[in-house]
Amino acid sequence: LADLQAALERVDVDDDVLRYCVDLA
């Protein structure tokens, strides 16, 4: 499980999706 959690760090997040998270909050 720790390995799976560490591997998630490689998932790509586009800047427009990141800004969407910020705008919603």
mmCIF file of all heavy atoms, coordinates in Angstrom:
data_MODEL
# 
_entry.id   MODEL 
# 
loop_
_atom_site.group_PDB 
_atom_site.id 
_atom_site.type_symbol 
_atom_site.label_atom_id 
_atom_site.label_alt_id 
_atom_site.label_comp_id 
_atom_site.label_asym_id 
_atom_site.label_entity_id 
_atom_site.label_seq_id 
_atom_site.pdbx_PDB_ins_code 
_atom_site.Cartn_x 
_atom_site.Cartn_y 
_atom_site.Cartn_z 
_atom_site.occupancy 
_atom_site.B_iso_or_equiv 
_atom_site.pdbx_formal_charge 
_atom_site.auth_seq_id 
_atom_site.auth_comp_id 
_atom_site.auth_asym_id 
_atom_site.auth_atom_id 
_atom_site.pdbx_PDB_model_num 
ATOM 1   N N   . LEU A 1 1  ? 0.832   -1.197 0.000   1.00 0.00 ? 1  LEU A N   1 
ATOM 2   C CA  . LEU A 1 1  ? 0.000   0.000  0.000   1.00 0.00 ? 1  LEU A CA  1 
ATOM 3   C C   . LEU A 1 1  ? 0.867   1.248  0.000   1.00 0.00 ? 1  LEU A C   1 
ATOM 4   O O   . LEU A 1 1  ? 0.573   2.218  -0.711  1.00 0.00 ? 1  LEU A O   1 
ATOM 5   C CB  . LEU A 1 1  ? -0.928  0.002  1.221   1.00 0.00 ? 1  LEU A CB  1 
ATOM 6   C CG  . LEU A 1 1  ? -1.773  1.275  1.418   1.00 0.00 ? 1  LEU A CG  1 
ATOM 7   C CD1 . LEU A 1 1  ? -2.672  1.532  0.218   1.00 0.00 ? 1  LEU A CD1 1 
ATOM 8   C CD2 . LEU A 1 1  ? -2.610  1.161  2.691   1.00 0.00 ? 1  LEU A CD2 1 
ATOM 9   N N   . ALA A 1 2  ? 1.945   1.238  0.777   1.00 0.00 ? 2  ALA A N   1 
ATOM 10  C CA  . ALA A 1 2  ? 2.856   2.381  0.790   1.00 0.00 ? 2  ALA A CA  1 
ATOM 11  C C   . ALA A 1 2  ? 3.462   2.603  -0.595  1.00 0.00 ? 2  ALA A C   1 
ATOM 12  O O   . ALA A 1 2  ? 3.636   3.752  -1.035  1.00 0.00 ? 2  ALA A O   1 
ATOM 13  C CB  . ALA A 1 2  ? 3.958   2.163  1.828   1.00 0.00 ? 2  ALA A CB  1 
ATOM 14  N N   . ASP A 1 3  ? 3.775   1.525  -1.308  1.00 0.00 ? 3  ASP A N   1 
ATOM 15  C CA  . ASP A 1 3  ? 4.306   1.649  -2.664  1.00 0.00 ? 3  ASP A CA  1 
ATOM 16  C C   . ASP A 1 3  ? 3.265   2.254  -3.601  1.00 0.00 ? 3  ASP A C   1 
ATOM 17  O O   . ASP A 1 3  ? 3.591   3.098  -4.455  1.00 0.00 ? 3  ASP A O   1 
ATOM 18  C CB  . ASP A 1 3  ? 4.738   0.275  -3.199  1.00 0.00 ? 3  ASP A CB  1 
ATOM 19  C CG  . ASP A 1 3  ? 5.957   -0.283 -2.482  1.00 0.00 ? 3  ASP A CG  1 
ATOM 20  O OD1 . ASP A 1 3  ? 6.693   0.514  -1.863  1.00 0.00 ? 3  ASP A OD1 1 
ATOM 21  O OD2 . ASP A 1 3  ? 6.159   -1.510 -2.538  1.00 0.00 ? 3  ASP A OD2 1 
ATOM 22  N N   . LEU A 1 4  ? 2.008   1.829  -3.481  1.00 0.00 ? 4  LEU A N   1 
ATOM 23  C CA  . LEU A 1 4  ? 0.944   2.370  -4.323  1.00 0.00 ? 4  LEU A CA  1 
ATOM 24  C C   . LEU A 1 4  ? 0.765   3.859  -4.052  1.00 0.00 ? 4  LEU A C   1 
ATOM 25  O O   . LEU A 1 4  ? 0.579   4.661  -4.987  1.00 0.00 ? 4  LEU A O   1 
ATOM 26  C CB  . LEU A 1 4  ? -0.368  1.625  -4.060  1.00 0.00 ? 4  LEU A CB  1 
ATOM 27  C CG  . LEU A 1 4  ? -0.406  0.125  -4.371  1.00 0.00 ? 4  LEU A CG  1 
ATOM 28  C CD1 . LEU A 1 4  ? -1.787  -0.451 -4.043  1.00 0.00 ? 4  LEU A CD1 1 
ATOM 29  C CD2 . LEU A 1 4  ? -0.072  -0.144 -5.835  1.00 0.00 ? 4  LEU A CD2 1 
ATOM 30  N N   . GLN A 1 5  ? 0.799   4.241  -2.779  1.00 0.00 ? 5  GLN A N   1 
ATOM 31  C CA  . GLN A 1 5  ? 0.639   5.650  -2.430  1.00 0.00 ? 5  GLN A CA  1 
ATOM 32  C C   . GLN A 1 5  ? 1.786   6.489  -2.989  1.00 0.00 ? 5  GLN A C   1 
ATOM 33  O O   . GLN A 1 5  ? 1.570   7.600  -3.478  1.00 0.00 ? 5  GLN A O   1 
ATOM 34  C CB  . GLN A 1 5  ? 0.556   5.802  -0.908  1.00 0.00 ? 5  GLN A CB  1 
ATOM 35  C CG  . GLN A 1 5  ? -0.716  5.203  -0.315  1.00 0.00 ? 5  GLN A CG  1 
ATOM 36  C CD  . GLN A 1 5  ? -0.701  5.185  1.201   1.00 0.00 ? 5  GLN A CD  1 
ATOM 37  O OE1 . GLN A 1 5  ? 0.360   5.172  1.829   1.00 0.00 ? 5  GLN A OE1 1 
ATOM 38  N NE2 . GLN A 1 5  ? -1.876  5.172  1.809   1.00 0.00 ? 5  GLN A NE2 1 
ATOM 39  N N   . ALA A 1 6  ? 3.000   5.960  -2.939  1.00 0.00 ? 6  ALA A N   1 
ATOM 40  C CA  . ALA A 1 6  ? 4.153   6.694  -3.470  1.00 0.00 ? 6  ALA A CA  1 
ATOM 41  C C   . ALA A 1 6  ? 4.057   6.837  -4.985  1.00 0.00 ? 6  ALA A C   1 
ATOM 42  O O   . ALA A 1 6  ? 4.428   7.883  -5.544  1.00 0.00 ? 6  ALA A O   1 
ATOM 43  C CB  . ALA A 1 6  ? 5.440   5.979  -3.082  1.00 0.00 ? 6  ALA A CB  1 
ATOM 44  N N   . ALA A 1 7  ? 3.533   5.813  -5.650  1.00 0.00 ? 7  ALA A N   1 
ATOM 45  C CA  . ALA A 1 7  ? 3.438   5.853  -7.106  1.00 0.00 ? 7  ALA A CA  1 
ATOM 46  C C   . ALA A 1 7  ? 2.435   6.898  -7.580  1.00 0.00 ? 7  ALA A C   1 
ATOM 47  O O   . ALA A 1 7  ? 2.544   7.413  -8.704  1.00 0.00 ? 7  ALA A O   1 
ATOM 48  C CB  . ALA A 1 7  ? 3.052   4.469  -7.641  1.00 0.00 ? 7  ALA A CB  1 
ATOM 49  N N   . LEU A 1 8  ? 1.449   7.239  -6.747  1.00 0.00 ? 8  LEU A N   1 
ATOM 50  C CA  . LEU A 1 8  ? 0.466   8.251  -7.122  1.00 0.00 ? 8  LEU A CA  1 
ATOM 51  C C   . LEU A 1 8  ? 1.095   9.623  -7.338  1.00 0.00 ? 8  LEU A C   1 
ATOM 52  O O   . LEU A 1 8  ? 0.527   10.472 -8.033  1.00 0.00 ? 8  LEU A O   1 
ATOM 53  C CB  . LEU A 1 8  ? -0.617  8.362  -6.029  1.00 0.00 ? 8  LEU A CB  1 
ATOM 54  C CG  . LEU A 1 8  ? -2.015  7.872  -6.431  1.00 0.00 ? 8  LEU A CG  1 
ATOM 55  C CD1 . LEU A 1 8  ? -1.982  6.364  -6.651  1.00 0.00 ? 8  LEU A CD1 1 
ATOM 56  C CD2 . LEU A 1 8  ? -3.038  8.226  -5.371  1.00 0.00 ? 8  LEU A CD2 1 
ATOM 57  N N   . GLU A 1 9  ? 2.268   9.835  -6.740  1.00 0.00 ? 9  GLU A N   1 
ATOM 58  C CA  . GLU A 1 9  ? 2.922   11.135 -6.876  1.00 0.00 ? 9  GLU A CA  1 
ATOM 59  C C   . GLU A 1 9  ? 3.336   11.420 -8.314  1.00 0.00 ? 9  GLU A C   1 
ATOM 60  O O   . GLU A 1 9  ? 3.656   12.563 -8.660  1.00 0.00 ? 9  GLU A O   1 
ATOM 61  C CB  . GLU A 1 9  ? 4.135   11.203 -5.950  1.00 0.00 ? 9  GLU A CB  1 
ATOM 62  C CG  . GLU A 1 9  ? 3.802   11.113 -4.465  1.00 0.00 ? 9  GLU A CG  1 
ATOM 63  C CD  . GLU A 1 9  ? 2.976   12.294 -3.991  1.00 0.00 ? 9  GLU A CD  1 
ATOM 64  O OE1 . GLU A 1 9  ? 3.081   13.388 -4.592  1.00 0.00 ? 9  GLU A OE1 1 
ATOM 65  O OE2 . GLU A 1 9  ? 2.206   12.121 -3.031  1.00 0.00 ? 9  GLU A OE2 1 
ATOM 66  N N   . ARG A 1 10 ? 3.345   10.404 -9.149  1.00 0.00 ? 10 ARG A N   1 
ATOM 67  C CA  . ARG A 1 10 ? 3.747   10.605 -10.544 1.00 0.00 ? 10 ARG A CA  1 
ATOM 68  C C   . ARG A 1 10 ? 2.581   10.993 -11.446 1.00 0.00 ? 10 ARG A C   1 
ATOM 69  O O   . ARG A 1 10 ? 2.785   11.232 -12.640 1.00 0.00 ? 10 ARG A O   1 
ATOM 70  C CB  . ARG A 1 10 ? 4.397   9.326  -11.084 1.00 0.00 ? 10 ARG A CB  1 
ATOM 71  C CG  . ARG A 1 10 ? 5.635   8.875  -10.325 1.00 0.00 ? 10 ARG A CG  1 
ATOM 72  C CD  . ARG A 1 10 ? 6.433   7.867  -11.139 1.00 0.00 ? 10 ARG A CD  1 
ATOM 73  N NE  . ARG A 1 10 ? 5.616   6.736  -11.555 1.00 0.00 ? 10 ARG A NE  1 
ATOM 74  C CZ  . ARG A 1 10 ? 5.468   5.633  -10.836 1.00 0.00 ? 10 ARG A CZ  1 
ATOM 75  N NH1 . ARG A 1 10 ? 6.068   5.528  -9.653  1.00 0.00 ? 10 ARG A NH1 1 
ATOM 76  N NH2 . ARG A 1 10 ? 4.729   4.633  -11.266 1.00 0.00 ? 10 ARG A NH2 1 
ATOM 77  N N   . VAL A 1 11 ? 1.368   11.059 -10.906 1.00 0.00 ? 11 VAL A N   1 
ATOM 78  C CA  . VAL A 1 11 ? 0.206   11.413 -11.724 1.00 0.00 ? 11 VAL A CA  1 
ATOM 79  C C   . VAL A 1 11 ? 0.288   12.890 -12.116 1.00 0.00 ? 11 VAL A C   1 
ATOM 80  O O   . VAL A 1 11 ? 0.521   13.770 -11.279 1.00 0.00 ? 11 VAL A O   1 
ATOM 81  C CB  . VAL A 1 11 ? -1.102  11.132 -10.962 1.00 0.00 ? 11 VAL A CB  1 
ATOM 82  C CG1 . VAL A 1 11 ? -2.306  11.617 -11.760 1.00 0.00 ? 11 VAL A CG1 1 
ATOM 83  C CG2 . VAL A 1 11 ? -1.227  9.643  -10.671 1.00 0.00 ? 11 VAL A CG2 1 
ATOM 84  N N   . ASP A 1 12 ? 0.093   13.153 -13.391 1.00 0.00 ? 12 ASP A N   1 
ATOM 85  C CA  . ASP A 1 12 ? 0.225   14.502 -13.933 1.00 0.00 ? 12 ASP A CA  1 
ATOM 86  C C   . ASP A 1 12 ? -1.036  15.316 -13.654 1.00 0.00 ? 12 ASP A C   1 
ATOM 87  O O   . ASP A 1 12 ? -2.155  14.817 -13.777 1.00 0.00 ? 12 ASP A O   1 
ATOM 88  C CB  . ASP A 1 12 ? 0.474   14.418 -15.443 1.00 0.00 ? 12 ASP A CB  1 
ATOM 89  C CG  . ASP A 1 12 ? 0.699   15.787 -16.056 1.00 0.00 ? 12 ASP A CG  1 
ATOM 90  O OD1 . ASP A 1 12 ? 1.253   16.659 -15.367 1.00 0.00 ? 12 ASP A OD1 1 
ATOM 91  O OD2 . ASP A 1 12 ? 0.310   15.987 -17.222 1.00 0.00 ? 12 ASP A OD2 1 
ATOM 92  N N   . VAL A 1 13 ? -0.838  16.580 -13.279 1.00 0.00 ? 13 VAL A N   1 
ATOM 93  C CA  . VAL A 1 13 ? -1.959  17.504 -13.069 1.00 0.00 ? 13 VAL A CA  1 
ATOM 94  C C   . VAL A 1 13 ? -1.683  18.763 -13.877 1.00 0.00 ? 13 VAL A C   1 
ATOM 95  O O   . VAL A 1 13 ? -0.715  19.496 -13.604 1.00 0.00 ? 13 VAL A O   1 
ATOM 96  C CB  . VAL A 1 13 ? -2.133  17.866 -11.581 1.00 0.00 ? 13 VAL A CB  1 
ATOM 97  C CG1 . VAL A 1 13 ? -3.349  18.778 -11.403 1.00 0.00 ? 13 VAL A CG1 1 
ATOM 98  C CG2 . VAL A 1 13 ? -2.295  16.615 -10.727 1.00 0.00 ? 13 VAL A CG2 1 
ATOM 99  N N   . ASP A 1 14 ? -2.511  19.022 -14.892 1.00 0.00 ? 14 ASP A N   1 
ATOM 100 C CA  . ASP A 1 14 ? -2.355  20.226 -15.691 1.00 0.00 ? 14 ASP A CA  1 
ATOM 101 C C   . ASP A 1 14 ? -2.632  21.464 -14.843 1.00 0.00 ? 14 ASP A C   1 
ATOM 102 O O   . ASP A 1 14 ? -3.406  21.425 -13.880 1.00 0.00 ? 14 ASP A O   1 
ATOM 103 C CB  . ASP A 1 14 ? -3.327  20.213 -16.877 1.00 0.00 ? 14 ASP A CB  1 
ATOM 104 C CG  . ASP A 1 14 ? -2.864  19.263 -17.973 1.00 0.00 ? 14 ASP A CG  1 
ATOM 105 O OD1 . ASP A 1 14 ? -1.689  18.868 -17.945 1.00 0.00 ? 14 ASP A OD1 1 
ATOM 106 O OD2 . ASP A 1 14 ? -3.692  18.911 -18.831 1.00 0.00 ? 14 ASP A OD2 1 
ATOM 107 N N   . ASP A 1 15 ? -2.031  22.573 -15.227 1.00 0.00 ? 15 ASP A N   1 
ATOM 108 C CA  . ASP A 1 15 ? -2.184  23.799 -14.455 1.00 0.00 ? 15 ASP A CA  1 
ATOM 109 C C   . ASP A 1 15 ? -3.628  24.293 -14.444 1.00 0.00 ? 15 ASP A C   1 
ATOM 110 O O   . ASP A 1 15 ? -4.085  24.870 -13.459 1.00 0.00 ? 15 ASP A O   1 
ATOM 111 C CB  . ASP A 1 15 ? -1.269  24.890 -15.014 1.00 0.00 ? 15 ASP A CB  1 
ATOM 112 C CG  . ASP A 1 15 ? -1.177  26.086 -14.092 1.00 0.00 ? 15 ASP A CG  1 
ATOM 113 O OD1 . ASP A 1 15 ? -0.686  25.929 -12.960 1.00 0.00 ? 15 ASP A OD1 1 
ATOM 114 O OD2 . ASP A 1 15 ? -1.616  27.194 -14.501 1.00 0.00 ? 15 ASP A OD2 1 
ATOM 115 N N   . ASP A 1 16 ? -4.374  24.045 -15.550 1.00 0.00 ? 16 ASP A N   1 
ATOM 116 C CA  . ASP A 1 16 ? -5.762  24.512 -15.563 1.00 0.00 ? 16 ASP A CA  1 
ATOM 117 C C   . ASP A 1 16 ? -6.633  23.710 -14.600 1.00 0.00 ? 16 ASP A C   1 
ATOM 118 O O   . ASP A 1 16 ? -7.566  24.250 -13.997 1.00 0.00 ? 16 ASP A O   1 
ATOM 119 C CB  . ASP A 1 16 ? -6.340  24.474 -16.979 1.00 0.00 ? 16 ASP A CB  1 
ATOM 120 C CG  . ASP A 1 16 ? -6.243  23.112 -17.627 1.00 0.00 ? 16 ASP A CG  1 
ATOM 121 O OD1 . ASP A 1 16 ? -5.616  22.213 -17.032 1.00 0.00 ? 16 ASP A OD1 1 
ATOM 122 O OD2 . ASP A 1 16 ? -6.796  22.925 -18.732 1.00 0.00 ? 16 ASP A OD2 1 
ATOM 123 N N   . VAL A 1 17 ? -6.329  22.423 -14.411 1.00 0.00 ? 17 VAL A N   1 
ATOM 124 C CA  . VAL A 1 17 ? -7.057  21.621 -13.423 1.00 0.00 ? 17 VAL A CA  1 
ATOM 125 C C   . VAL A 1 17 ? -6.675  22.053 -12.013 1.00 0.00 ? 17 VAL A C   1 
ATOM 126 O O   . VAL A 1 17 ? -7.518  22.147 -11.121 1.00 0.00 ? 17 VAL A O   1 
ATOM 127 C CB  . VAL A 1 17 ? -6.771  20.116 -13.629 1.00 0.00 ? 17 VAL A CB  1 
ATOM 128 C CG1 . VAL A 1 17 ? -7.421  19.292 -12.523 1.00 0.00 ? 17 VAL A CG1 1 
ATOM 129 C CG2 . VAL A 1 17 ? -7.282  19.669 -14.989 1.00 0.00 ? 17 VAL A CG2 1 
ATOM 130 N N   . LEU A 1 18 ? -5.404  22.342 -11.819 1.00 0.00 ? 18 LEU A N   1 
ATOM 131 C CA  . LEU A 1 18 ? -4.949  22.834 -10.521 1.00 0.00 ? 18 LEU A CA  1 
ATOM 132 C C   . LEU A 1 18 ? -5.657  24.144 -10.167 1.00 0.00 ? 18 LEU A C   1 
ATOM 133 O O   . LEU A 1 18 ? -6.131  24.323 -9.026  1.00 0.00 ? 18 LEU A O   1 
ATOM 134 C CB  . LEU A 1 18 ? -3.429  23.027 -10.568 1.00 0.00 ? 18 LEU A CB  1 
ATOM 135 C CG  . LEU A 1 18 ? -2.718  23.436 -9.284  1.00 0.00 ? 18 LEU A CG  1 
ATOM 136 C CD1 . LEU A 1 18 ? -1.305  22.861 -9.272  1.00 0.00 ? 18 LEU A CD1 1 
ATOM 137 C CD2 . LEU A 1 18 ? -2.660  24.961 -9.140  1.00 0.00 ? 18 LEU A CD2 1 
ATOM 138 N N   . ARG A 1 19 ? -5.764  25.040 -11.127 1.00 0.00 ? 19 ARG A N   1 
ATOM 139 C CA  . ARG A 1 19 ? -6.451  26.310 -10.870 1.00 0.00 ? 19 ARG A CA  1 
ATOM 140 C C   . ARG A 1 19 ? -7.932  26.094 -10.610 1.00 0.00 ? 19 ARG A C   1 
ATOM 141 O O   . ARG A 1 19 ? -8.553  26.846 -9.846  1.00 0.00 ? 19 ARG A O   1 
ATOM 142 C CB  . ARG A 1 19 ? -6.257  27.257 -12.056 1.00 0.00 ? 19 ARG A CB  1 
ATOM 143 C CG  . ARG A 1 19 ? -4.866  27.850 -12.165 1.00 0.00 ? 19 ARG A CG  1 
ATOM 144 C CD  . ARG A 1 19 ? -4.485  28.579 -10.886 1.00 0.00 ? 19 ARG A CD  1 
ATOM 145 N NE  . ARG A 1 19 ? -5.456  29.625 -10.547 1.00 0.00 ? 19 ARG A NE  1 
ATOM 146 C CZ  . ARG A 1 19 ? -5.338  30.885 -10.896 1.00 0.00 ? 19 ARG A CZ  1 
ATOM 147 N NH1 . ARG A 1 19 ? -4.282  31.286 -11.593 1.00 0.00 ? 19 ARG A NH1 1 
ATOM 148 N NH2 . ARG A 1 19 ? -6.254  31.773 -10.543 1.00 0.00 ? 19 ARG A NH2 1 
ATOM 149 N N   . TYR A 1 20 ? -8.523  25.069 -11.233 1.00 0.00 ? 20 TYR A N   1 
ATOM 150 C CA  . TYR A 1 20 ? -9.925  24.755 -10.970 1.00 0.00 ? 20 TYR A CA  1 
ATOM 151 C C   . TYR A 1 20 ? -10.115 24.353 -9.510  1.00 0.00 ? 20 TYR A C   1 
ATOM 152 O O   . TYR A 1 20 ? -11.094 24.754 -8.869  1.00 0.00 ? 20 TYR A O   1 
ATOM 153 C CB  . TYR A 1 20 ? -10.379 23.639 -11.906 1.00 0.00 ? 20 TYR A CB  1 
ATOM 154 C CG  . TYR A 1 20 ? -11.849 23.278 -11.782 1.00 0.00 ? 20 TYR A CG  1 
ATOM 155 C CD1 . TYR A 1 20 ? -12.838 24.261 -11.792 1.00 0.00 ? 20 TYR A CD1 1 
ATOM 156 C CD2 . TYR A 1 20 ? -12.242 21.947 -11.663 1.00 0.00 ? 20 TYR A CD2 1 
ATOM 157 C CE1 . TYR A 1 20 ? -14.181 23.922 -11.687 1.00 0.00 ? 20 TYR A CE1 1 
ATOM 158 C CE2 . TYR A 1 20 ? -13.577 21.602 -11.567 1.00 0.00 ? 20 TYR A CE2 1 
ATOM 159 C CZ  . TYR A 1 20 ? -14.539 22.593 -11.572 1.00 0.00 ? 20 TYR A CZ  1 
ATOM 160 O OH  . TYR A 1 20 ? -15.869 22.261 -11.456 1.00 0.00 ? 20 TYR A OH  1 
ATOM 161 N N   . CYS A 1 21 ? -9.181  23.582 -8.967  1.00 0.00 ? 21 CYS A N   1 
ATOM 162 C CA  . CYS A 1 21 ? -9.241  23.215 -7.547  1.00 0.00 ? 21 CYS A CA  1 
ATOM 163 C C   . CYS A 1 21 ? -9.199  24.468 -6.669  1.00 0.00 ? 21 CYS A C   1 
ATOM 164 O O   . CYS A 1 21 ? -9.963  24.607 -5.704  1.00 0.00 ? 21 CYS A O   1 
ATOM 165 C CB  . CYS A 1 21 ? -8.082  22.290 -7.181  1.00 0.00 ? 21 CYS A CB  1 
ATOM 166 S SG  . CYS A 1 21 ? -8.089  20.677 -7.980  1.00 0.00 ? 21 CYS A SG  1 
ATOM 167 N N   . VAL A 1 22 ? -8.294  25.386 -7.029  1.00 0.00 ? 22 VAL A N   1 
ATOM 168 C CA  . VAL A 1 22 ? -8.155  26.630 -6.266  1.00 0.00 ? 22 VAL A CA  1 
ATOM 169 C C   . VAL A 1 22 ? -9.417  27.482 -6.382  1.00 0.00 ? 22 VAL A C   1 
ATOM 170 O O   . VAL A 1 22 ? -9.896  28.055 -5.394  1.00 0.00 ? 22 VAL A O   1 
ATOM 171 C CB  . VAL A 1 22 ? -6.919  27.414 -6.755  1.00 0.00 ? 22 VAL A CB  1 
ATOM 172 C CG1 . VAL A 1 22 ? -6.857  28.798 -6.106  1.00 0.00 ? 22 VAL A CG1 1 
ATOM 173 C CG2 . VAL A 1 22 ? -5.653  26.629 -6.453  1.00 0.00 ? 22 VAL A CG2 1 
ATOM 174 N N   . ASP A 1 23 ? -9.986  27.567 -7.581  1.00 0.00 ? 23 ASP A N   1 
ATOM 175 C CA  . ASP A 1 23 ? -11.179 28.393 -7.794  1.00 0.00 ? 23 ASP A CA  1 
ATOM 176 C C   . ASP A 1 23 ? -12.376 27.841 -7.022  1.00 0.00 ? 23 ASP A C   1 
ATOM 177 O O   . ASP A 1 23 ? -13.170 28.624 -6.462  1.00 0.00 ? 23 ASP A O   1 
ATOM 178 C CB  . ASP A 1 23 ? -11.510 28.461 -9.285  1.00 0.00 ? 23 ASP A CB  1 
ATOM 179 C CG  . ASP A 1 23 ? -10.480 29.276 -10.074 1.00 0.00 ? 23 ASP A CG  1 
ATOM 180 O OD1 . ASP A 1 23 ? -9.707  30.016 -9.441  1.00 0.00 ? 23 ASP A OD1 1 
ATOM 181 O OD2 . ASP A 1 23 ? -10.454 29.141 -11.319 1.00 0.00 ? 23 ASP A OD2 1 
ATOM 182 N N   . LEU A 1 24 ? -12.539 26.513 -6.997  1.00 0.00 ? 24 LEU A N   1 
ATOM 183 C CA  . LEU A 1 24 ? -13.655 25.927 -6.265  1.00 0.00 ? 24 LEU A CA  1 
ATOM 184 C C   . LEU A 1 24 ? -13.537 26.214 -4.768  1.00 0.00 ? 24 LEU A C   1 
ATOM 185 O O   . LEU A 1 24 ? -14.510 26.630 -4.126  1.00 0.00 ? 24 LEU A O   1 
ATOM 186 C CB  . LEU A 1 24 ? -13.705 24.414 -6.497  1.00 0.00 ? 24 LEU A CB  1 
ATOM 187 C CG  . LEU A 1 24 ? -14.498 23.908 -7.694  1.00 0.00 ? 24 LEU A CG  1 
ATOM 188 C CD1 . LEU A 1 24 ? -14.387 22.387 -7.796  1.00 0.00 ? 24 LEU A CD1 1 
ATOM 189 C CD2 . LEU A 1 24 ? -15.967 24.312 -7.580  1.00 0.00 ? 24 LEU A CD2 1 
ATOM 190 N N   . ALA A 1 25 ? -12.355 25.975 -4.216  1.00 0.00 ? 25 ALA A N   1 
ATOM 191 C CA  . ALA A 1 25 ? -12.160 26.243 -2.790  1.00 0.00 ? 25 ALA A CA  1 
ATOM 192 C C   . ALA A 1 25 ? -12.328 27.730 -2.501  1.00 0.00 ? 25 ALA A C   1 
ATOM 193 O O   . ALA A 1 25 ? -12.946 28.124 -1.495  1.00 0.00 ? 25 ALA A O   1 
ATOM 194 C CB  . ALA A 1 25 ? -10.789 25.752 -2.347  1.00 0.00 ? 25 ALA A CB  1 
# 
